[in-house]
Amino acid sequence: MNKIQKRLALMGLAASMLLFLSGCVSLDKSGNPTGWVWNLLGRPMSHVITYFADNLGLGFGLGIIFVTIIVRLIILPLGIYQSAKREYLAPILEPINERLRNAETQEEKMAAQSELMQAQRENGLSLMGGVGCLPLLIQFPFFSALYYAARYTPGVLQDNFLWFNLGHRDFPLIIIIAA
């Protein structure tokens, strides 16, 4: 298998993992969500949103916010690990990257590239750069489930939060977020 075929195979695997981890929620004939992400994550999130809204009297808007905070706290260790590993390896990799950027001849570039690959291998980094995208891929099912939980929890689309209706687009809010 040559280098191009390996890259294509790796990109295909990454794309299929992305689709597998990000989707996996579909709607059945009656318009209700279904799938393993919905059953494992979305349905419990929907119940927690309903608990905050109905049992604690906070409303669906605050229920969605609190569930979002809970999800972020659950996946926080992934971000901390990724950030800590990046900070730990920066003193090792930055001088090599600097030599690679400042290399003038092809031989200097090849030597710096070889040294960078060796340092990455020694420290367990992905040869594709950085610390890998697995922590990001792991987050997709959580946020996919959170989206469907917010969208398909009974009562959310009829409720109001602050000045906007949760069932309709609010263009001033979209403009604020975009800015």
N, C-alpha and C. Protein backbone atom coordinates (compact mmCIF):
# COMPACT_ATOMS: atom_id res chain seq x y z
N MET A 1 0.85 -1.17 0.00
CA MET A 1 0.00 0.00 0.00
C MET A 1 0.90 1.24 0.00
N ASN A 2 0.73 2.10 -0.97
CA ASN A 2 1.58 3.28 -1.02
C ASN A 2 1.05 4.37 -0.09
N LYS A 3 1.79 5.48 -0.04
CA LYS A 3 1.50 6.55 0.90
C LYS A 3 0.14 7.19 0.63
N ILE A 4 -0.20 7.38 -0.64
CA ILE A 4 -1.48 8.02 -0.99
C ILE A 4 -2.65 7.12 -0.60
N GLN A 5 -2.51 5.81 -0.83
CA GLN A 5 -3.58 4.89 -0.47
C GLN A 5 -3.77 4.84 1.05
N LYS A 6 -2.68 4.91 1.80
CA LYS A 6 -2.79 4.93 3.26
C LYS A 6 -3.52 6.18 3.73
N ARG A 7 -3.18 7.32 3.14
CA ARG A 7 -3.85 8.56 3.53
C ARG A 7 -5.34 8.51 3.18
N LEU A 8 -5.66 8.00 2.00
CA LEU A 8 -7.07 7.88 1.62
C LEU A 8 -7.82 6.94 2.55
N ALA A 9 -7.20 5.84 2.93
CA ALA A 9 -7.83 4.91 3.85
C ALA A 9 -8.04 5.56 5.21
N LEU A 10 -7.05 6.32 5.68
CA LEU A 10 -7.16 7.01 6.96
C LEU A 10 -8.24 8.08 6.91
N MET A 11 -8.32 8.83 5.81
CA MET A 11 -9.37 9.85 5.67
C MET A 11 -10.74 9.20 5.61
N GLY A 12 -10.86 8.06 4.93
CA GLY A 12 -12.13 7.35 4.88
C GLY A 12 -12.56 6.86 6.25
N LEU A 13 -11.60 6.33 7.00
CA LEU A 13 -11.90 5.87 8.36
C LEU A 13 -12.32 7.03 9.24
N ALA A 14 -11.60 8.15 9.15
CA ALA A 14 -11.94 9.33 9.95
C ALA A 14 -13.32 9.86 9.57
N ALA A 15 -13.63 9.91 8.29
CA ALA A 15 -14.94 10.40 7.85
C ALA A 15 -16.06 9.48 8.32
N SER A 16 -15.84 8.17 8.25
CA SER A 16 -16.88 7.25 8.71
C SER A 16 -17.06 7.33 10.21
N MET A 17 -15.97 7.50 10.96
CA MET A 17 -16.09 7.68 12.41
C MET A 17 -16.85 8.96 12.73
N LEU A 18 -16.55 10.03 11.98
CA LEU A 18 -17.23 11.30 12.20
C LEU A 18 -18.73 11.16 11.96
N LEU A 19 -19.11 10.51 10.88
CA LEU A 19 -20.53 10.29 10.60
C LEU A 19 -21.17 9.42 11.67
N PHE A 20 -20.44 8.38 12.09
CA PHE A 20 -20.97 7.46 13.11
C PHE A 20 -21.17 8.18 14.44
N LEU A 21 -20.17 8.97 14.84
CA LEU A 21 -20.24 9.61 16.15
C LEU A 21 -21.11 10.86 16.17
N SER A 22 -21.28 11.54 15.04
CA SER A 22 -22.03 12.78 15.06
C SER A 22 -23.51 12.59 14.75
N GLY A 23 -23.83 11.60 13.98
CA GLY A 23 -25.23 11.40 13.60
C GLY A 23 -25.92 10.47 14.57
N CYS A 24 -26.31 9.37 14.07
CA CYS A 24 -26.89 8.29 14.87
C CYS A 24 -28.18 8.66 15.56
N VAL A 25 -28.78 9.79 15.23
CA VAL A 25 -30.12 10.11 15.69
C VAL A 25 -30.93 10.36 14.44
N SER A 26 -31.99 9.61 14.30
CA SER A 26 -32.87 9.80 13.16
C SER A 26 -34.30 9.91 13.66
N LEU A 27 -35.18 10.28 12.79
CA LEU A 27 -36.58 10.42 13.16
C LEU A 27 -37.37 9.26 12.57
N ASP A 28 -38.26 8.69 13.39
CA ASP A 28 -39.10 7.61 12.88
C ASP A 28 -40.27 8.21 12.11
N LYS A 29 -41.20 7.37 11.68
CA LYS A 29 -42.32 7.82 10.84
C LYS A 29 -43.22 8.82 11.54
N SER A 30 -43.29 8.75 12.85
CA SER A 30 -44.15 9.68 13.59
C SER A 30 -43.42 10.96 13.98
N GLY A 31 -42.14 11.10 13.59
CA GLY A 31 -41.40 12.32 13.86
C GLY A 31 -40.68 12.34 15.20
N ASN A 32 -40.59 11.19 15.85
CA ASN A 32 -39.88 11.11 17.13
C ASN A 32 -38.45 10.65 16.90
N PRO A 33 -37.51 11.18 17.68
CA PRO A 33 -36.12 10.76 17.51
C PRO A 33 -35.92 9.30 17.93
N THR A 34 -34.98 8.65 17.26
CA THR A 34 -34.63 7.28 17.57
C THR A 34 -33.16 7.06 17.23
N GLY A 35 -32.60 6.00 17.72
CA GLY A 35 -31.20 5.69 17.47
C GLY A 35 -30.45 5.53 18.79
N TRP A 36 -29.25 4.98 18.69
CA TRP A 36 -28.53 4.67 19.94
C TRP A 36 -28.07 5.93 20.66
N VAL A 37 -27.72 7.00 19.96
CA VAL A 37 -27.32 8.24 20.64
C VAL A 37 -28.53 8.83 21.37
N TRP A 38 -29.68 8.78 20.73
CA TRP A 38 -30.88 9.29 21.39
C TRP A 38 -31.22 8.45 22.61
N ASN A 39 -31.21 7.14 22.47
CA ASN A 39 -31.58 6.27 23.58
C ASN A 39 -30.60 6.35 24.73
N LEU A 40 -29.32 6.44 24.43
CA LEU A 40 -28.29 6.44 25.47
C LEU A 40 -28.10 7.81 26.10
N LEU A 41 -28.14 8.88 25.29
CA LEU A 41 -27.83 10.21 25.79
C LEU A 41 -28.99 11.20 25.68
N GLY A 42 -29.65 11.22 24.55
CA GLY A 42 -30.68 12.23 24.30
C GLY A 42 -31.89 12.11 25.19
N ARG A 43 -32.41 10.90 25.34
CA ARG A 43 -33.60 10.70 26.17
C ARG A 43 -33.33 11.09 27.63
N PRO A 44 -32.21 10.67 28.24
CA PRO A 44 -31.93 11.14 29.61
C PRO A 44 -31.78 12.65 29.70
N MET A 45 -31.15 13.27 28.68
CA MET A 45 -31.03 14.73 28.69
C MET A 45 -32.41 15.37 28.61
N SER A 46 -33.29 14.79 27.79
CA SER A 46 -34.65 15.31 27.68
C SER A 46 -35.38 15.23 29.02
N HIS A 47 -35.20 14.12 29.74
CA HIS A 47 -35.83 13.96 31.05
C HIS A 47 -35.27 14.98 32.05
N VAL A 48 -33.98 15.25 31.99
CA VAL A 48 -33.38 16.22 32.91
C VAL A 48 -33.87 17.63 32.57
N ILE A 49 -33.98 17.97 31.29
CA ILE A 49 -34.52 19.28 30.90
C ILE A 49 -35.95 19.42 31.43
N THR A 50 -36.75 18.38 31.27
CA THR A 50 -38.12 18.40 31.76
C THR A 50 -38.15 18.52 33.29
N TYR A 51 -37.24 17.84 33.97
CA TYR A 51 -37.16 17.93 35.43
C TYR A 51 -36.88 19.36 35.87
N PHE A 52 -35.88 19.99 35.25
CA PHE A 52 -35.56 21.38 35.61
C PHE A 52 -36.74 22.30 35.32
N ALA A 53 -37.43 22.07 34.19
CA ALA A 53 -38.52 22.96 33.78
C ALA A 53 -39.77 22.76 34.63
N ASP A 54 -40.18 21.51 34.78
CA ASP A 54 -41.45 21.24 35.44
C ASP A 54 -41.32 21.10 36.95
N ASN A 55 -40.41 20.26 37.41
CA ASN A 55 -40.32 19.97 38.84
C ASN A 55 -39.66 21.09 39.63
N LEU A 56 -38.66 21.74 39.06
CA LEU A 56 -37.99 22.83 39.77
C LEU A 56 -38.54 24.20 39.38
N GLY A 57 -39.40 24.24 38.37
CA GLY A 57 -40.03 25.48 37.95
C GLY A 57 -39.09 26.50 37.32
N LEU A 58 -38.00 26.03 36.72
CA LEU A 58 -37.02 26.95 36.14
C LEU A 58 -37.35 27.34 34.70
N GLY A 59 -38.18 26.58 34.04
CA GLY A 59 -38.48 26.83 32.64
C GLY A 59 -37.53 26.04 31.75
N PHE A 60 -37.95 25.88 30.51
CA PHE A 60 -37.17 25.06 29.58
C PHE A 60 -35.87 25.75 29.16
N GLY A 61 -35.86 27.06 29.06
CA GLY A 61 -34.64 27.77 28.68
C GLY A 61 -33.52 27.53 29.68
N LEU A 62 -33.80 27.71 30.96
CA LEU A 62 -32.78 27.45 31.98
C LEU A 62 -32.47 25.95 32.08
N GLY A 63 -33.48 25.11 31.83
CA GLY A 63 -33.23 23.66 31.83
C GLY A 63 -32.21 23.27 30.77
N ILE A 64 -32.35 23.85 29.56
CA ILE A 64 -31.39 23.57 28.49
C ILE A 64 -30.01 24.10 28.87
N ILE A 65 -29.96 25.29 29.45
CA ILE A 65 -28.67 25.86 29.86
C ILE A 65 -28.00 24.97 30.90
N PHE A 66 -28.75 24.52 31.90
CA PHE A 66 -28.15 23.67 32.94
C PHE A 66 -27.69 22.33 32.40
N VAL A 67 -28.47 21.74 31.50
CA VAL A 67 -28.05 20.47 30.89
C VAL A 67 -26.79 20.69 30.05
N THR A 68 -26.72 21.82 29.34
CA THR A 68 -25.51 22.13 28.58
C THR A 68 -24.30 22.25 29.50
N ILE A 69 -24.47 22.89 30.64
CA ILE A 69 -23.37 23.02 31.61
C ILE A 69 -22.97 21.64 32.14
N ILE A 70 -23.94 20.80 32.42
CA ILE A 70 -23.63 19.44 32.91
C ILE A 70 -22.85 18.66 31.86
N VAL A 71 -23.28 18.75 30.59
CA VAL A 71 -22.58 18.04 29.51
C VAL A 71 -21.15 18.57 29.39
N ARG A 72 -20.99 19.89 29.44
CA ARG A 72 -19.63 20.47 29.36
C ARG A 72 -18.76 19.99 30.53
N LEU A 73 -19.34 19.87 31.71
CA LEU A 73 -18.56 19.38 32.86
C LEU A 73 -18.17 17.91 32.69
N ILE A 74 -19.05 17.13 32.06
CA ILE A 74 -18.75 15.72 31.84
C ILE A 74 -17.59 15.56 30.87
N ILE A 75 -17.56 16.37 29.79
CA ILE A 75 -16.50 16.22 28.79
C ILE A 75 -15.31 17.14 29.06
N LEU A 76 -15.34 17.88 30.16
CA LEU A 76 -14.24 18.78 30.51
C LEU A 76 -12.89 18.07 30.64
N PRO A 77 -12.83 16.87 31.22
CA PRO A 77 -11.52 16.20 31.31
C PRO A 77 -10.83 15.99 29.96
N LEU A 78 -11.60 15.80 28.90
CA LEU A 78 -10.99 15.65 27.57
C LEU A 78 -10.26 16.92 27.16
N GLY A 79 -10.89 18.06 27.37
CA GLY A 79 -10.27 19.33 27.02
C GLY A 79 -9.07 19.63 27.89
N ILE A 80 -9.17 19.31 29.17
CA ILE A 80 -8.05 19.55 30.09
C ILE A 80 -6.87 18.67 29.71
N TYR A 81 -7.12 17.42 29.39
CA TYR A 81 -6.05 16.51 29.00
C TYR A 81 -5.37 17.01 27.73
N GLN A 82 -6.18 17.40 26.76
CA GLN A 82 -5.65 17.87 25.48
C GLN A 82 -4.81 19.13 25.70
N SER A 83 -5.30 20.06 26.48
CA SER A 83 -4.59 21.30 26.73
C SER A 83 -3.30 21.05 27.52
N ALA A 84 -3.38 20.17 28.52
CA ALA A 84 -2.19 19.88 29.33
C ALA A 84 -1.11 19.20 28.49
N LYS A 85 -1.51 18.29 27.63
CA LYS A 85 -0.53 17.60 26.79
C LYS A 85 0.11 18.57 25.81
N ARG A 86 -0.70 19.47 25.26
CA ARG A 86 -0.17 20.47 24.33
C ARG A 86 0.84 21.38 25.04
N GLU A 87 0.48 21.84 26.25
CA GLU A 87 1.39 22.71 27.00
C GLU A 87 2.66 21.97 27.41
N TYR A 88 2.53 20.71 27.79
CA TYR A 88 3.68 19.93 28.23
C TYR A 88 4.66 19.71 27.08
N LEU A 89 4.14 19.48 25.88
CA LEU A 89 5.00 19.18 24.74
C LEU A 89 5.45 20.40 23.96
N ALA A 90 4.91 21.57 24.26
CA ALA A 90 5.28 22.79 23.53
C ALA A 90 6.78 23.07 23.59
N PRO A 91 7.44 22.97 24.75
CA PRO A 91 8.88 23.25 24.76
C PRO A 91 9.70 22.26 23.93
N ILE A 92 9.18 21.07 23.74
CA ILE A 92 9.89 20.06 22.95
C ILE A 92 9.68 20.30 21.46
N LEU A 93 8.44 20.57 21.07
CA LEU A 93 8.12 20.64 19.65
C LEU A 93 8.32 22.02 19.03
N GLU A 94 8.21 23.08 19.82
CA GLU A 94 8.30 24.42 19.25
C GLU A 94 9.67 24.72 18.63
N PRO A 95 10.80 24.37 19.27
CA PRO A 95 12.09 24.63 18.60
C PRO A 95 12.23 23.86 17.28
N ILE A 96 11.70 22.65 17.23
CA ILE A 96 11.77 21.87 15.99
C ILE A 96 10.91 22.52 14.91
N ASN A 97 9.69 22.97 15.30
CA ASN A 97 8.82 23.65 14.34
C ASN A 97 9.46 24.95 13.85
N GLU A 98 10.14 25.65 14.73
CA GLU A 98 10.83 26.87 14.35
C GLU A 98 11.93 26.59 13.32
N ARG A 99 12.70 25.52 13.57
CA ARG A 99 13.74 25.14 12.60
C ARG A 99 13.12 24.75 11.26
N LEU A 100 11.98 24.08 11.32
CA LEU A 100 11.29 23.69 10.09
C LEU A 100 10.82 24.92 9.31
N ARG A 101 10.28 25.91 10.01
CA ARG A 101 9.82 27.14 9.35
C ARG A 101 10.98 27.94 8.76
N ASN A 102 12.12 27.94 9.46
CA ASN A 102 13.27 28.76 9.03
C ASN A 102 14.23 28.02 8.11
N ALA A 103 13.94 26.76 7.81
CA ALA A 103 14.85 25.99 6.95
C ALA A 103 14.88 26.61 5.56
N GLU A 104 16.09 26.74 5.05
CA GLU A 104 16.25 27.36 3.72
C GLU A 104 16.49 26.32 2.63
N THR A 105 17.14 25.24 2.97
CA THR A 105 17.41 24.22 1.97
C THR A 105 16.49 23.03 2.18
N GLN A 106 16.40 22.23 1.16
CA GLN A 106 15.57 21.03 1.23
C GLN A 106 16.10 20.05 2.27
N GLU A 107 17.43 19.96 2.40
CA GLU A 107 18.05 19.06 3.38
C GLU A 107 17.71 19.48 4.80
N GLU A 108 17.73 20.80 5.07
CA GLU A 108 17.37 21.29 6.40
C GLU A 108 15.90 20.99 6.72
N LYS A 109 15.04 21.17 5.73
CA LYS A 109 13.62 20.88 5.92
C LYS A 109 13.39 19.39 6.20
N MET A 110 14.08 18.54 5.44
CA MET A 110 13.94 17.10 5.64
C MET A 110 14.45 16.68 7.01
N ALA A 111 15.57 17.24 7.45
CA ALA A 111 16.13 16.91 8.77
C ALA A 111 15.19 17.36 9.88
N ALA A 112 14.65 18.58 9.76
CA ALA A 112 13.73 19.09 10.78
C ALA A 112 12.45 18.27 10.79
N GLN A 113 11.95 17.92 9.61
CA GLN A 113 10.73 17.10 9.52
C GLN A 113 10.95 15.72 10.15
N SER A 114 12.09 15.14 9.90
CA SER A 114 12.42 13.84 10.47
C SER A 114 12.51 13.93 11.99
N GLU A 115 13.13 15.00 12.48
CA GLU A 115 13.25 15.20 13.94
C GLU A 115 11.88 15.42 14.57
N LEU A 116 11.01 16.16 13.89
CA LEU A 116 9.66 16.40 14.39
C LEU A 116 8.87 15.09 14.47
N MET A 117 8.96 14.28 13.43
CA MET A 117 8.25 13.00 13.43
C MET A 117 8.77 12.09 14.54
N GLN A 118 10.07 12.10 14.76
CA GLN A 118 10.66 11.29 15.83
C GLN A 118 10.16 11.76 17.20
N ALA A 119 10.12 13.08 17.41
CA ALA A 119 9.65 13.63 18.69
C ALA A 119 8.17 13.29 18.91
N GLN A 120 7.39 13.35 17.84
CA GLN A 120 5.97 13.01 17.96
C GLN A 120 5.80 11.54 18.31
N ARG A 121 6.56 10.69 17.65
CA ARG A 121 6.48 9.24 17.95
C ARG A 121 6.87 8.96 19.39
N GLU A 122 7.94 9.59 19.87
CA GLU A 122 8.42 9.36 21.23
C GLU A 122 7.40 9.80 22.28
N ASN A 123 6.61 10.84 21.95
CA ASN A 123 5.66 11.38 22.92
C ASN A 123 4.23 10.92 22.68
N GLY A 124 4.05 9.98 21.77
CA GLY A 124 2.73 9.39 21.55
C GLY A 124 1.74 10.30 20.87
N LEU A 125 2.23 11.20 20.03
CA LEU A 125 1.34 12.09 19.30
C LEU A 125 0.99 11.50 17.96
N SER A 126 -0.13 11.96 17.42
CA SER A 126 -0.53 11.56 16.08
C SER A 126 0.44 12.14 15.07
N LEU A 127 0.80 11.35 14.08
CA LEU A 127 1.68 11.84 13.04
C LEU A 127 0.97 12.84 12.14
N MET A 128 -0.35 12.93 12.25
CA MET A 128 -1.11 13.89 11.45
C MET A 128 -1.06 15.28 12.09
N GLY A 129 -0.37 15.42 13.23
CA GLY A 129 -0.22 16.72 13.86
C GLY A 129 -1.08 16.85 15.09
N GLY A 130 -0.66 17.72 16.00
CA GLY A 130 -1.42 17.99 17.21
C GLY A 130 -1.48 16.79 18.12
N VAL A 131 -2.50 16.75 18.93
CA VAL A 131 -2.69 15.63 19.84
C VAL A 131 -3.80 14.72 19.36
N GLY A 132 -4.19 14.89 18.12
CA GLY A 132 -5.22 14.03 17.55
C GLY A 132 -6.60 14.64 17.68
N CYS A 133 -7.54 14.10 16.95
CA CYS A 133 -8.89 14.66 16.95
C CYS A 133 -9.88 13.77 17.71
N LEU A 134 -9.41 12.71 18.33
CA LEU A 134 -10.32 11.81 19.04
C LEU A 134 -11.12 12.53 20.14
N PRO A 135 -10.49 13.40 20.96
CA PRO A 135 -11.31 14.11 21.96
C PRO A 135 -12.44 14.93 21.34
N LEU A 136 -12.20 15.50 20.17
CA LEU A 136 -13.26 16.24 19.50
C LEU A 136 -14.35 15.31 18.98
N LEU A 137 -13.95 14.17 18.44
CA LEU A 137 -14.94 13.22 17.93
C LEU A 137 -15.79 12.64 19.05
N ILE A 138 -15.21 12.47 20.23
CA ILE A 138 -15.97 11.92 21.35
C ILE A 138 -17.06 12.89 21.79
N GLN A 139 -16.86 14.19 21.58
CA GLN A 139 -17.85 15.18 21.99
C GLN A 139 -19.08 15.22 21.08
N PHE A 140 -18.94 14.80 19.84
CA PHE A 140 -20.05 14.90 18.89
C PHE A 140 -21.32 14.20 19.34
N PRO A 141 -21.28 12.96 19.83
CA PRO A 141 -22.55 12.34 20.25
C PRO A 141 -23.24 13.11 21.38
N PHE A 142 -22.45 13.69 22.29
CA PHE A 142 -23.05 14.46 23.39
C PHE A 142 -23.79 15.68 22.86
N PHE A 143 -23.16 16.42 21.95
CA PHE A 143 -23.80 17.62 21.45
C PHE A 143 -24.92 17.31 20.47
N SER A 144 -24.79 16.22 19.73
CA SER A 144 -25.88 15.79 18.87
C SER A 144 -27.10 15.43 19.73
N ALA A 145 -26.86 14.68 20.80
CA ALA A 145 -27.95 14.30 21.71
C ALA A 145 -28.55 15.53 22.39
N LEU A 146 -27.71 16.49 22.77
CA LEU A 146 -28.20 17.71 23.40
C LEU A 146 -29.08 18.51 22.45
N TYR A 147 -28.67 18.59 21.18
CA TYR A 147 -29.48 19.28 20.18
C TYR A 147 -30.86 18.62 20.05
N TYR A 148 -30.87 17.30 19.90
CA TYR A 148 -32.14 16.61 19.74
C TYR A 148 -32.98 16.65 21.01
N ALA A 149 -32.33 16.63 22.16
CA ALA A 149 -33.08 16.73 23.42
C ALA A 149 -33.73 18.11 23.53
N ALA A 150 -33.02 19.15 23.16
CA ALA A 150 -33.60 20.50 23.21
C ALA A 150 -34.69 20.66 22.16
N ARG A 151 -34.53 20.01 21.04
CA ARG A 151 -35.48 20.17 19.93
C ARG A 151 -36.75 19.34 20.11
N TYR A 152 -36.63 18.14 20.70
CA TYR A 152 -37.76 17.22 20.73
C TYR A 152 -38.30 16.94 22.14
N THR A 153 -37.88 17.67 23.13
CA THR A 153 -38.48 17.53 24.46
C THR A 153 -39.86 18.19 24.42
N PRO A 154 -40.89 17.45 24.83
CA PRO A 154 -42.24 18.04 24.79
C PRO A 154 -42.31 19.29 25.66
N GLY A 155 -42.85 20.35 25.08
CA GLY A 155 -43.02 21.59 25.81
C GLY A 155 -41.98 22.66 25.50
N VAL A 156 -40.82 22.27 25.00
CA VAL A 156 -39.76 23.24 24.74
C VAL A 156 -40.18 24.23 23.66
N LEU A 157 -40.74 23.74 22.57
CA LEU A 157 -41.06 24.60 21.44
C LEU A 157 -42.21 25.57 21.73
N GLN A 158 -42.96 25.35 22.80
CA GLN A 158 -44.05 26.25 23.16
C GLN A 158 -43.65 27.23 24.27
N ASP A 159 -42.43 27.11 24.79
CA ASP A 159 -42.02 27.92 25.93
C ASP A 159 -41.26 29.16 25.46
N ASN A 160 -41.18 30.14 26.33
CA ASN A 160 -40.41 31.36 26.09
C ASN A 160 -39.25 31.42 27.07
N PHE A 161 -38.17 32.03 26.63
CA PHE A 161 -37.01 32.26 27.50
C PHE A 161 -36.51 33.67 27.21
N LEU A 162 -36.42 34.46 28.26
CA LEU A 162 -36.10 35.88 28.13
C LEU A 162 -37.09 36.51 27.16
N TRP A 163 -36.65 37.06 26.04
CA TRP A 163 -37.54 37.75 25.12
C TRP A 163 -37.94 36.92 23.91
N PHE A 164 -37.45 35.69 23.79
CA PHE A 164 -37.73 34.96 22.56
C PHE A 164 -38.45 33.65 22.81
N ASN A 165 -39.15 33.22 21.77
CA ASN A 165 -39.89 31.98 21.78
C ASN A 165 -38.94 30.86 21.38
N LEU A 166 -38.84 29.80 22.18
CA LEU A 166 -37.91 28.71 21.89
C LEU A 166 -38.30 27.91 20.65
N GLY A 167 -39.52 28.07 20.18
CA GLY A 167 -39.97 27.33 19.00
C GLY A 167 -39.75 28.06 17.69
N HIS A 168 -39.26 29.30 17.74
CA HIS A 168 -39.06 30.08 16.53
C HIS A 168 -37.67 30.69 16.52
N ARG A 169 -37.17 30.95 15.31
CA ARG A 169 -35.87 31.62 15.18
C ARG A 169 -36.00 33.06 15.66
N ASP A 170 -34.97 33.53 16.33
CA ASP A 170 -34.94 34.89 16.80
C ASP A 170 -33.77 35.60 16.12
N PHE A 171 -34.06 36.40 15.10
CA PHE A 171 -33.00 36.99 14.30
C PHE A 171 -32.12 37.97 15.08
N PRO A 172 -32.65 38.78 16.01
CA PRO A 172 -31.73 39.62 16.81
C PRO A 172 -30.72 38.78 17.60
N LEU A 173 -31.14 37.64 18.11
CA LEU A 173 -30.22 36.77 18.84
C LEU A 173 -29.17 36.19 17.90
N ILE A 174 -29.59 35.81 16.68
CA ILE A 174 -28.64 35.29 15.69
C ILE A 174 -27.60 36.35 15.35
N ILE A 175 -28.02 37.59 15.22
CA ILE A 175 -27.09 38.68 14.92
C ILE A 175 -26.13 38.90 16.08
N ILE A 176 -26.64 38.85 17.32
CA ILE A 176 -25.78 39.00 18.50
C ILE A 176 -24.74 37.89 18.55
N ILE A 177 -25.16 36.65 18.32
CA ILE A 177 -24.22 35.52 18.35
C ILE A 177 -23.19 35.64 17.23
N ALA A 178 -23.64 36.05 16.04
CA ALA A 178 -22.71 36.18 14.91
C ALA A 178 -21.69 37.28 15.16
N ALA A 179 -22.12 38.33 15.83
CA ALA A 179 -21.19 39.45 16.10
C ALA A 179 -20.16 39.01 17.10
